[in-house]
N, C-alpha and C. Protein backbone atom coordinates (compact mmCIF):
# COMPACT_ATOMS: atom_id res chain seq x y z
N MET A 1 -62.00 4.56 5.32
CA MET A 1 -60.64 4.52 5.48
C MET A 1 -59.73 5.88 5.04
N LYS A 2 -59.05 6.35 5.80
CA LYS A 2 -58.52 7.57 5.48
C LYS A 2 -57.26 7.35 4.32
N ARG A 3 -57.17 8.11 3.78
CA ARG A 3 -56.14 8.22 2.68
C ARG A 3 -54.93 9.13 3.27
N LEU A 4 -53.59 8.62 3.01
CA LEU A 4 -52.52 9.60 3.54
C LEU A 4 -52.41 10.49 2.10
N LYS A 5 -52.19 11.68 2.79
CA LYS A 5 -51.74 12.69 1.70
C LYS A 5 -50.28 13.08 1.67
N PHE A 6 -49.88 12.96 0.39
CA PHE A 6 -48.35 13.50 0.27
C PHE A 6 -48.31 14.71 0.09
N SER A 7 -47.13 15.26 0.56
CA SER A 7 -46.89 16.79 0.56
C SER A 7 -46.39 16.93 -0.84
N SER A 8 -46.64 18.09 -1.45
CA SER A 8 -46.00 18.45 -2.74
C SER A 8 -44.51 19.12 -2.45
N GLU A 9 -44.39 19.39 -1.48
CA GLU A 9 -43.20 20.23 -0.95
C GLU A 9 -41.68 19.23 -1.40
N PRO A 10 -40.78 19.86 -2.01
CA PRO A 10 -39.62 19.01 -2.20
C PRO A 10 -38.79 18.63 -1.02
N GLY A 11 -38.12 17.47 -1.03
CA GLY A 11 -37.44 17.29 0.16
C GLY A 11 -37.26 15.70 0.25
N PHE A 12 -36.43 15.39 1.17
CA PHE A 12 -36.15 13.95 1.39
C PHE A 12 -36.83 13.42 2.74
N THR A 13 -37.03 12.15 2.87
CA THR A 13 -37.66 11.48 3.86
C THR A 13 -36.67 11.22 5.04
N LEU A 14 -36.82 11.01 6.19
CA LEU A 14 -35.94 10.49 7.13
C LEU A 14 -35.30 9.04 6.73
N PHE A 15 -36.11 8.12 6.00
CA PHE A 15 -35.69 7.15 5.64
C PHE A 15 -34.61 6.95 4.56
N GLU A 16 -34.79 8.04 3.69
CA GLU A 16 -33.89 8.07 2.76
C GLU A 16 -32.53 8.87 3.16
N LEU A 17 -32.74 9.66 4.01
CA LEU A 17 -31.49 10.28 4.68
C LEU A 17 -30.75 9.26 5.55
N ILE A 18 -31.23 8.42 6.02
CA ILE A 18 -30.53 7.25 6.89
C ILE A 18 -29.78 6.32 6.06
N ILE A 19 -30.44 5.98 4.93
CA ILE A 19 -29.90 5.10 3.94
C ILE A 19 -28.42 5.61 3.27
N VAL A 20 -28.71 6.97 2.84
CA VAL A 20 -27.58 7.64 2.17
C VAL A 20 -26.33 7.83 3.31
N MET A 21 -26.85 8.25 4.67
CA MET A 21 -25.64 8.27 5.61
C MET A 21 -25.11 6.91 6.01
N THR A 22 -25.81 5.67 5.79
CA THR A 22 -25.23 4.30 6.09
C THR A 22 -24.35 4.14 4.93
N ILE A 23 -24.46 4.49 3.67
CA ILE A 23 -23.78 4.39 2.76
C ILE A 23 -22.46 5.05 2.69
N ILE A 24 -22.64 6.26 2.94
CA ILE A 24 -21.19 7.18 3.25
C ILE A 24 -20.39 6.42 4.33
N GLY A 25 -20.98 6.16 5.37
CA GLY A 25 -20.17 5.57 6.56
C GLY A 25 -19.48 4.34 6.17
N ILE A 26 -20.19 3.51 5.28
CA ILE A 26 -19.48 2.29 4.84
C ILE A 26 -18.30 2.76 4.08
N PHE A 27 -18.35 3.48 2.91
CA PHE A 27 -17.29 4.02 2.15
C PHE A 27 -16.20 4.82 2.94
N ALA A 28 -16.53 5.39 4.07
CA ALA A 28 -15.64 6.15 4.92
C ALA A 28 -14.59 5.02 5.51
N GLY A 29 -15.36 4.08 6.05
CA GLY A 29 -14.67 3.08 6.78
C GLY A 29 -13.79 2.28 5.96
N LEU A 30 -14.17 1.97 4.78
CA LEU A 30 -13.34 1.24 3.80
C LEU A 30 -12.12 2.12 3.39
N SER A 31 -12.12 3.19 3.01
CA SER A 31 -11.30 4.24 2.59
C SER A 31 -10.24 4.34 3.96
N GLY A 32 -10.70 4.38 5.06
CA GLY A 32 -9.93 4.56 6.27
C GLY A 32 -8.84 3.11 6.29
N ILE A 33 -9.58 2.16 6.04
CA ILE A 33 -8.64 0.99 5.97
C ILE A 33 -7.63 0.90 4.92
N ALA A 34 -7.80 1.43 3.71
CA ALA A 34 -6.98 1.47 2.77
C ALA A 34 -5.88 2.49 3.01
N ILE A 35 -6.16 3.51 3.63
CA ILE A 35 -5.20 4.43 3.95
C ILE A 35 -4.33 4.11 4.97
N SER A 36 -4.63 3.62 5.98
CA SER A 36 -3.75 2.93 6.92
C SER A 36 -2.67 1.99 6.56
N ARG A 37 -3.35 1.05 5.66
CA ARG A 37 -2.23 0.13 4.95
C ARG A 37 -1.20 0.78 4.30
N LYS A 38 -1.44 1.85 3.69
CA LYS A 38 -0.31 2.85 2.94
C LYS A 38 0.54 3.44 3.72
N SER A 39 0.08 4.03 4.83
CA SER A 39 0.61 4.90 5.83
C SER A 39 2.04 4.65 6.20
N SER A 40 2.11 3.09 6.42
CA SER A 40 3.68 2.84 6.71
C SER A 40 4.62 3.15 5.66
N GLY A 41 4.28 2.92 4.53
CA GLY A 41 4.88 3.08 3.35
C GLY A 41 5.39 4.52 3.07
N PHE A 42 4.48 5.79 3.62
CA PHE A 42 4.78 6.92 3.41
C PHE A 42 5.73 7.29 4.82
N GLU A 43 5.69 6.61 5.98
CA GLU A 43 6.54 6.94 6.96
C GLU A 43 7.94 6.52 6.71
N VAL A 44 8.12 5.15 5.94
CA VAL A 44 9.29 4.75 5.52
C VAL A 44 10.03 5.65 4.54
N LYS A 45 9.15 6.39 3.70
CA LYS A 45 9.69 7.07 2.59
C LYS A 45 9.89 8.45 3.36
N ARG A 46 9.49 8.89 4.34
CA ARG A 46 9.77 10.19 4.82
C ARG A 46 11.05 10.19 5.76
N VAL A 47 11.27 8.90 6.43
CA VAL A 47 12.34 8.75 7.12
C VAL A 47 13.54 8.56 6.34
N THR A 48 13.30 7.87 4.98
CA THR A 48 14.43 7.71 4.02
C THR A 48 14.90 9.06 3.47
N ARG A 49 13.90 10.09 3.23
CA ARG A 49 14.30 11.30 2.87
C ARG A 49 15.13 12.25 3.87
N GLU A 50 14.45 12.16 5.00
CA GLU A 50 15.17 12.72 6.22
C GLU A 50 16.73 12.44 6.45
N ILE A 51 16.97 10.88 6.60
CA ILE A 51 18.29 10.51 6.69
C ILE A 51 19.02 10.92 5.31
N ALA A 52 18.73 10.95 4.22
CA ALA A 52 19.41 11.20 3.06
C ALA A 52 19.70 12.70 3.00
N SER A 53 18.79 13.45 3.30
CA SER A 53 18.93 15.15 3.61
C SER A 53 20.06 15.47 4.71
N THR A 54 19.83 14.60 5.87
CA THR A 54 20.83 14.65 7.05
C THR A 54 22.24 14.31 6.54
N LEU A 55 22.54 13.24 5.63
CA LEU A 55 23.77 12.81 5.16
C LEU A 55 24.25 13.95 4.33
N ARG A 56 23.51 14.37 3.47
CA ARG A 56 23.97 15.51 2.37
C ARG A 56 24.43 16.71 3.20
N PHE A 57 23.57 17.15 4.15
CA PHE A 57 23.96 18.16 5.12
C PHE A 57 25.46 17.98 5.83
N ALA A 58 25.58 16.78 5.99
CA ALA A 58 26.81 16.50 6.75
C ALA A 58 27.91 16.84 5.92
N ARG A 59 27.84 16.20 4.72
CA ARG A 59 28.80 16.34 3.85
C ARG A 59 29.24 17.69 3.32
N SER A 60 28.02 18.56 3.10
CA SER A 60 28.39 20.08 2.88
C SER A 60 28.95 20.86 4.15
N ARG A 61 28.50 20.37 5.26
CA ARG A 61 29.02 21.05 6.43
C ARG A 61 30.35 20.86 6.86
N ALA A 62 30.74 19.50 6.42
CA ALA A 62 32.25 19.03 6.41
C ALA A 62 33.23 19.85 5.60
N ILE A 63 32.76 20.18 4.35
CA ILE A 63 33.53 20.68 3.54
C ILE A 63 33.62 22.29 3.73
N SER A 64 32.46 22.92 4.09
CA SER A 64 32.50 24.37 4.30
C SER A 64 33.05 24.80 5.42
N GLU A 65 33.21 23.61 6.75
CA GLU A 65 33.62 24.16 8.01
C GLU A 65 35.16 23.58 7.95
N LYS A 66 35.48 22.67 6.91
CA LYS A 66 36.76 22.17 6.97
C LYS A 66 37.24 21.32 8.11
N ARG A 67 36.45 20.54 8.65
CA ARG A 67 36.34 19.37 9.47
C ARG A 67 35.66 18.39 9.34
N SER A 68 35.91 17.21 10.01
CA SER A 68 35.26 16.07 9.82
C SER A 68 33.80 16.23 10.60
N TYR A 69 32.84 15.36 9.79
CA TYR A 69 31.46 15.14 10.52
C TYR A 69 31.22 13.70 10.52
N PHE A 70 30.55 13.35 11.71
CA PHE A 70 30.01 11.84 11.48
C PHE A 70 28.51 11.86 11.85
N PHE A 71 28.18 11.16 10.80
CA PHE A 71 26.59 10.64 10.81
C PHE A 71 26.51 9.33 11.76
N THR A 72 25.83 9.41 12.65
CA THR A 72 25.81 8.34 13.74
C THR A 72 24.35 7.62 13.85
N VAL A 73 24.22 6.38 13.64
CA VAL A 73 22.82 5.62 14.11
C VAL A 73 23.31 4.75 15.55
N ASN A 74 22.18 5.09 16.19
CA ASN A 74 22.50 4.39 17.58
C ASN A 74 21.14 3.58 17.63
N ASN A 75 21.30 2.19 17.48
CA ASN A 75 20.17 1.24 17.44
C ASN A 75 19.77 1.06 18.88
N VAL A 76 20.51 1.31 19.98
CA VAL A 76 20.18 0.94 21.38
C VAL A 76 19.23 1.79 21.80
N THR A 77 19.28 3.40 21.37
CA THR A 77 18.50 4.33 21.73
C THR A 77 17.32 4.62 20.73
N GLY A 78 17.61 4.09 19.62
CA GLY A 78 16.97 4.44 18.34
C GLY A 78 16.84 5.89 17.83
N THR A 79 18.11 6.28 17.96
CA THR A 79 18.45 7.59 17.41
C THR A 79 19.46 7.76 16.40
N TYR A 80 19.35 8.79 15.67
CA TYR A 80 20.40 9.19 14.66
C TYR A 80 20.72 10.61 14.57
N GLY A 81 21.87 11.15 14.24
CA GLY A 81 22.33 12.45 14.14
C GLY A 81 23.73 12.79 13.79
N LEU A 82 24.08 14.05 13.94
CA LEU A 82 25.43 14.34 13.32
C LEU A 82 26.25 14.89 14.70
N ASN A 83 27.60 14.38 14.41
CA ASN A 83 28.55 14.77 15.63
C ASN A 83 29.78 15.30 14.83
N ASN A 84 30.46 16.13 15.44
CA ASN A 84 31.80 16.45 15.01
C ASN A 84 32.79 15.89 15.57
N TYR A 85 32.38 14.57 16.23
CA TYR A 85 33.47 13.70 16.87
C TYR A 85 33.25 12.29 16.62
N ARG A 86 34.39 11.41 16.54
CA ARG A 86 34.02 9.99 16.62
C ARG A 86 33.69 9.57 17.97
N ILE A 87 32.51 8.49 17.76
CA ILE A 87 32.09 8.05 19.09
C ILE A 87 32.79 6.60 19.30
N ASP A 88 33.32 6.39 20.48
CA ASP A 88 34.26 5.10 20.49
C ASP A 88 33.09 3.97 20.59
N GLU A 89 33.67 2.73 20.30
CA GLU A 89 32.74 1.67 20.08
C GLU A 89 32.52 1.23 21.82
N ASP A 90 33.50 1.68 22.42
CA ASP A 90 33.13 1.27 24.23
C ASP A 90 32.26 2.35 24.92
N ALA A 91 31.82 3.24 24.07
CA ALA A 91 31.08 4.41 24.79
C ALA A 91 29.75 3.71 25.30
N ASP A 92 29.09 4.25 26.30
CA ASP A 92 27.94 3.86 26.68
C ASP A 92 26.81 4.81 25.70
N LEU A 93 26.07 3.91 24.71
CA LEU A 93 25.26 4.46 23.74
C LEU A 93 23.95 5.06 24.44
N THR A 94 23.67 4.73 25.60
CA THR A 94 22.35 5.05 26.20
C THR A 94 22.65 6.61 26.66
N LYS A 95 23.93 7.07 26.80
CA LYS A 95 24.29 8.53 27.18
C LYS A 95 24.62 9.30 25.96
N VAL A 96 24.83 8.79 24.87
CA VAL A 96 25.10 9.50 23.53
C VAL A 96 23.63 10.13 23.05
N SER A 97 23.58 11.49 23.08
CA SER A 97 22.40 12.22 22.64
C SER A 97 22.66 12.65 21.31
N LEU A 98 21.62 12.26 20.50
CA LEU A 98 21.59 12.47 18.88
C LEU A 98 20.24 13.21 18.88
N ALA A 99 20.22 13.75 17.67
CA ALA A 99 19.16 14.85 17.17
C ALA A 99 17.87 14.08 16.99
N LYS A 100 17.75 13.18 16.17
CA LYS A 100 16.58 12.55 15.62
C LYS A 100 16.28 11.37 16.33
N ALA A 101 15.09 10.89 16.30
CA ALA A 101 14.60 9.34 16.93
C ALA A 101 13.80 8.96 15.79
N PHE A 102 14.11 7.61 15.57
CA PHE A 102 13.14 6.89 14.56
C PHE A 102 12.41 5.85 15.37
N ARG A 103 11.31 5.35 14.75
CA ARG A 103 10.52 4.17 15.36
C ARG A 103 11.06 3.06 14.63
N SER A 104 11.61 2.26 15.53
CA SER A 104 12.23 0.93 14.91
C SER A 104 11.24 0.11 14.51
N GLU A 105 9.88 0.18 14.68
CA GLU A 105 8.94 -0.74 14.22
C GLU A 105 8.54 -0.50 12.78
N VAL A 106 8.90 0.95 12.33
CA VAL A 106 8.61 1.46 11.08
C VAL A 106 9.71 1.41 10.18
N GLY A 107 10.98 1.89 10.83
CA GLY A 107 12.06 2.08 9.95
C GLY A 107 13.23 1.06 10.60
N LYS A 108 13.43 -0.03 9.92
CA LYS A 108 14.23 -1.03 10.63
C LYS A 108 15.54 -0.55 9.76
N LEU A 109 16.66 -0.04 10.51
CA LEU A 109 17.79 0.46 9.94
C LEU A 109 18.79 -0.93 9.84
N LEU A 110 19.13 -1.19 8.51
CA LEU A 110 19.99 -2.37 8.27
C LEU A 110 21.16 -1.65 7.56
N TYR A 111 22.27 -2.17 7.87
CA TYR A 111 23.60 -1.65 7.55
C TYR A 111 24.60 -2.81 7.12
N ASP A 112 25.46 -2.39 6.43
CA ASP A 112 26.26 -3.56 5.81
C ASP A 112 27.69 -3.65 6.91
N ASN A 113 27.72 -2.74 7.86
CA ASN A 113 28.82 -2.83 8.84
C ASN A 113 28.45 -4.14 9.91
N ASN A 114 29.47 -4.57 10.55
CA ASN A 114 28.97 -5.54 11.33
C ASN A 114 28.89 -5.01 12.81
N ALA A 115 28.85 -3.73 13.02
CA ALA A 115 28.47 -3.22 14.29
C ALA A 115 27.04 -3.31 14.69
N ALA A 116 26.80 -4.03 15.88
CA ALA A 116 25.46 -4.33 15.97
C ALA A 116 24.72 -3.16 16.86
N ASP A 117 25.18 -2.44 17.60
CA ASP A 117 24.59 -1.32 18.22
C ASP A 117 24.73 -0.15 17.63
N MET A 118 25.74 0.39 16.70
CA MET A 118 26.21 1.76 16.51
C MET A 118 26.65 1.65 14.92
N PHE A 119 26.54 2.71 14.18
CA PHE A 119 27.08 2.68 12.91
C PHE A 119 27.45 4.35 12.61
N GLN A 120 28.54 4.54 12.06
CA GLN A 120 28.79 5.74 11.70
C GLN A 120 29.53 5.86 10.41
N ILE A 121 29.11 7.01 9.77
CA ILE A 121 29.91 7.41 8.45
C ILE A 121 30.44 8.62 8.70
N GLU A 122 31.82 8.69 8.45
CA GLU A 122 32.38 10.00 8.60
C GLU A 122 32.55 10.73 7.10
N PHE A 123 32.30 12.11 7.11
CA PHE A 123 32.38 12.85 6.07
C PHE A 123 33.61 13.79 6.34
N THR A 124 34.70 13.75 5.27
CA THR A 124 35.75 14.52 5.46
C THR A 124 35.85 15.98 5.02
N MET A 125 36.61 16.73 5.16
CA MET A 125 36.72 18.15 4.67
C MET A 125 36.82 18.19 3.26
N GLN A 126 37.67 17.08 2.45
CA GLN A 126 37.67 17.21 0.97
C GLN A 126 36.53 16.74 0.38
N GLY A 127 35.40 16.25 0.99
CA GLY A 127 34.39 15.79 0.49
C GLY A 127 34.05 14.40 0.37
N GLY A 128 35.07 13.63 0.86
CA GLY A 128 34.90 12.00 0.65
C GLY A 128 34.42 11.66 1.99
N SER A 129 34.10 10.43 2.12
CA SER A 129 33.42 9.85 3.45
C SER A 129 34.03 8.29 3.65
N SER A 130 33.66 7.81 4.66
CA SER A 130 34.12 6.49 5.12
C SER A 130 33.27 5.45 4.29
N GLY A 131 32.12 6.06 3.61
CA GLY A 131 31.44 5.11 2.77
C GLY A 131 30.37 4.34 3.61
N GLY A 132 29.52 3.63 2.94
CA GLY A 132 28.38 2.88 3.66
C GLY A 132 27.18 2.75 2.94
N SER A 133 26.34 1.89 3.43
CA SER A 133 24.91 2.05 3.03
C SER A 133 23.91 1.66 4.29
N ILE A 134 22.78 2.29 4.14
CA ILE A 134 21.87 2.06 5.20
C ILE A 134 20.62 1.72 4.44
N GLY A 135 20.03 0.63 4.80
CA GLY A 135 18.80 0.02 4.49
C GLY A 135 17.69 0.38 5.14
N ILE A 136 16.54 0.97 4.84
CA ILE A 136 15.35 1.54 5.56
C ILE A 136 14.19 0.66 4.98
N GLY A 137 13.18 0.14 5.85
CA GLY A 137 12.08 -0.50 5.18
C GLY A 137 11.27 -1.05 6.09
N ASP A 138 10.10 -1.80 5.70
CA ASP A 138 9.25 -2.42 6.65
C ASP A 138 8.79 -3.76 5.68
N ASP A 139 7.83 -4.25 5.99
CA ASP A 139 7.35 -5.33 5.29
C ASP A 139 6.91 -5.13 3.56
N ASN A 140 6.47 -3.78 3.41
CA ASN A 140 5.84 -3.24 2.24
C ASN A 140 6.94 -2.80 1.27
N ILE A 141 7.71 -1.89 1.89
CA ILE A 141 8.77 -1.21 0.91
C ILE A 141 10.13 -1.02 1.75
N ARG A 142 11.06 -0.88 0.75
CA ARG A 142 12.41 -1.05 1.26
C ARG A 142 13.29 0.06 0.47
N TYR A 143 14.12 0.81 1.03
CA TYR A 143 14.98 1.79 0.56
C TYR A 143 16.37 1.57 0.71
N SER A 144 17.28 1.87 -0.06
CA SER A 144 18.63 1.85 0.41
C SER A 144 19.30 3.28 0.18
N ILE A 145 20.15 3.52 0.97
CA ILE A 145 20.90 4.87 0.93
C ILE A 145 22.22 4.55 0.75
N SER A 146 22.87 4.90 -0.10
CA SER A 146 24.41 4.40 -0.23
C SER A 146 25.16 5.59 -0.29
N VAL A 147 26.21 5.57 0.39
CA VAL A 147 27.31 6.98 0.33
C VAL A 147 28.69 6.23 -0.20
N ASN A 148 29.00 7.05 -1.16
CA ASN A 148 30.06 6.80 -2.08
C ASN A 148 31.38 7.23 -1.18
N LYS A 149 32.28 6.27 -0.90
CA LYS A 149 33.50 6.38 -0.30
C LYS A 149 34.28 7.31 -0.77
N LEU A 150 34.44 7.45 -1.96
CA LEU A 150 35.53 8.44 -2.78
C LEU A 150 34.98 9.82 -2.70
N THR A 151 33.82 9.98 -3.26
CA THR A 151 33.14 11.11 -3.69
C THR A 151 32.25 11.85 -2.27
N GLY A 152 31.81 10.90 -1.59
CA GLY A 152 30.88 11.15 -0.41
C GLY A 152 29.26 11.43 -0.86
N ARG A 153 29.15 11.25 -2.38
CA ARG A 153 27.72 11.52 -2.79
C ARG A 153 26.84 10.40 -2.07
N ILE A 154 25.57 10.67 -1.98
CA ILE A 154 24.46 9.98 -1.29
C ILE A 154 23.50 9.58 -2.44
N ARG A 155 23.05 8.53 -2.44
CA ARG A 155 22.24 8.03 -3.48
C ARG A 155 21.17 7.09 -2.87
N VAL A 156 19.94 7.41 -3.11
CA VAL A 156 18.93 6.71 -2.82
C VAL A 156 18.26 5.79 -3.75
N GLU A 157 17.94 4.55 -3.55
CA GLU A 157 17.19 3.82 -4.44
C GLU A 157 16.20 2.88 -3.93
N LYS A 158 15.06 2.68 -4.45
CA LYS A 158 13.93 1.82 -4.02
C LYS A 158 14.29 0.34 -4.32
N LEU A 159 14.16 -0.62 -3.42
CA LEU A 159 14.63 -1.80 -3.78
C LEU A 159 13.39 -2.71 -3.88
N GLN A 160 13.45 -3.70 -4.76
CA GLN A 160 12.26 -4.87 -4.80
C GLN A 160 12.14 -5.50 -3.69
N SER A 161 10.69 -5.49 -3.28
CA SER A 161 10.38 -6.24 -2.09
C SER A 161 10.52 -7.77 -2.19
């Protein structure tokens, strides 16, 4: 009977490498699932910060240019942006071009006005505003952006789910 000779050279066998690669693959798959569950929260937070900074920009621009600016949310086309004119309620909202688009499945924009398709907040040259609040969220996380009617200041707060 022949005896197997083991090499005295250091190294790993193919079997050991396959086991290690399998374990690494399992951990990578599990971490990918965990990251994808959290990513919608990051998207909601990003949209909230972006809208809040757009509102702050509108207020500062209205003050510096001494004219009113309007932050408009169009739920028909899924866009929001700044205008220096008021959009009529009778306007065809599909033809109103606004700067930014939001994904409605991630950022559901809820607001306390009764307008179903459009929402506007006016910023005046004195720093005030028409006031209002915008709620942004999904099933996991919700934020509220409040615009003070008197001062036009913007406040963002995280809501309990």
